[in-house]
Amino acid sequence: MLIEFIPVMLFLIGIHPDRPGDVELVRHAALYASMEDCEADGAKLAAQRTETQSESSGVQYTARCIVFPDREEYSELLKRTHPALK
């Protein structure tokens, strides 16, 4: 049985309570094999980062997981966005 690997990327988003337009976006340097694994790790990492920042800046972190497009989809999107690359 062949199991298809669909890479999922984790992003941590930090928002300062007094400056909601000032957003920090951090891509976690890992790929996950499932959305569930990513979301579980993301929840832990966001909570840890929020706790670490609570006294100094008050930034609140949340996690978002996205499925990374496969090579064909990525290439097609790149060609549509940048026609000179065809």
Protein backbone atom coordinates (compact mmCIF):
# COMPACT_ATOMS: atom_id res chain seq x y z
CA MET A 1 0.00 0.00 0.00
CA LEU A 2 1.39 3.41 -1.02
CA ILE A 3 0.79 6.23 1.44
CA GLU A 4 0.85 9.65 -0.14
CA PHE A 5 2.78 12.29 1.78
CA ILE A 6 1.14 15.70 1.67
CA PRO A 7 3.51 18.18 3.30
CA VAL A 8 1.93 20.59 5.75
CA MET A 9 3.70 23.78 6.85
CA LEU A 10 3.27 25.52 10.19
CA PHE A 11 3.14 29.29 10.57
CA LEU A 12 3.06 31.10 13.89
CA ILE A 13 1.30 34.45 13.87
CA GLY A 14 2.01 36.97 16.61
CA ILE A 15 -0.25 39.94 17.25
CA HIS A 16 0.51 42.66 19.79
CA PRO A 17 -2.60 43.51 21.82
CA ASP A 18 -1.98 47.27 21.53
CA ARG A 19 -0.97 47.23 17.84
CA PRO A 20 -3.24 44.78 15.99
CA GLY A 21 -1.87 45.86 12.59
CA ASP A 22 1.67 44.96 13.67
CA VAL A 23 1.76 41.25 12.83
CA GLU A 24 4.72 38.90 13.12
CA LEU A 25 4.69 35.87 10.81
CA VAL A 26 7.11 33.03 11.52
CA ARG A 27 7.41 29.89 9.39
CA HIS A 28 8.37 26.98 11.60
CA ALA A 29 11.29 25.09 10.04
CA ALA A 30 9.57 21.72 9.74
CA LEU A 31 7.17 19.84 7.49
CA TYR A 32 4.40 17.68 8.90
CA ALA A 33 2.91 14.51 7.44
CA SER A 34 -0.63 15.43 8.45
CA MET A 35 -2.76 18.43 9.34
CA GLU A 36 -3.43 16.85 12.75
CA ASP A 37 0.29 16.60 13.59
CA CYS A 38 0.86 20.18 12.49
CA GLU A 39 -2.09 21.54 14.47
CA ALA A 40 -1.04 19.69 17.64
CA ASP A 41 2.54 20.93 17.42
CA GLY A 42 1.36 24.40 16.41
CA ALA A 43 -0.90 24.73 19.45
CA LYS A 44 2.00 23.81 21.76
CA LEU A 45 4.50 26.13 20.04
CA ALA A 46 2.08 29.08 19.94
CA ALA A 47 1.28 28.65 23.65
CA GLN A 48 4.99 28.44 24.53
CA ARG A 49 5.85 31.52 22.49
CA THR A 50 2.91 33.48 23.97
CA GLU A 51 4.04 32.54 27.48
CA THR A 52 7.63 33.54 26.72
CA GLN A 53 6.51 36.93 25.39
CA SER A 54 3.78 37.61 27.98
CA GLU A 55 5.89 39.75 30.30
CA SER A 56 8.11 41.53 27.78
CA SER A 57 5.83 42.43 24.85
CA GLY A 58 2.44 40.83 25.44
CA VAL A 59 2.35 39.43 21.90
CA GLN A 60 -0.27 36.69 21.51
CA TYR A 61 0.58 33.84 19.12
CA THR A 62 -1.66 31.54 17.17
CA ALA A 63 -0.79 28.74 14.76
CA ARG A 64 -1.97 28.12 11.20
CA CYS A 65 -1.21 25.05 9.14
CA ILE A 66 -1.35 24.99 5.36
CA VAL A 67 -0.93 22.20 2.86
CA PHE A 68 2.04 22.88 0.63
CA PRO A 69 1.13 22.61 -3.08
CA ASP A 70 2.67 19.76 -5.04
CA ARG A 71 5.28 20.56 -7.72
CA GLU A 72 2.83 20.60 -10.61
CA GLU A 73 0.40 22.92 -8.88
CA TYR A 74 3.24 25.15 -7.69
CA SER A 75 4.71 25.35 -11.22
CA GLU A 76 1.31 26.16 -12.72
CA LEU A 77 0.65 28.90 -10.15
CA LEU A 78 4.10 30.36 -10.77
CA LYS A 79 3.52 30.42 -14.55
CA ARG A 80 0.13 32.12 -14.13
CA THR A 81 1.53 34.68 -11.74
CA HIS A 82 4.71 35.34 -13.75
CA PRO A 83 3.99 34.74 -17.47
CA ALA A 84 7.61 35.53 -18.41
CA LEU A 85 8.63 32.23 -16.78
CA LYS A 86 6.73 30.05 -19.29
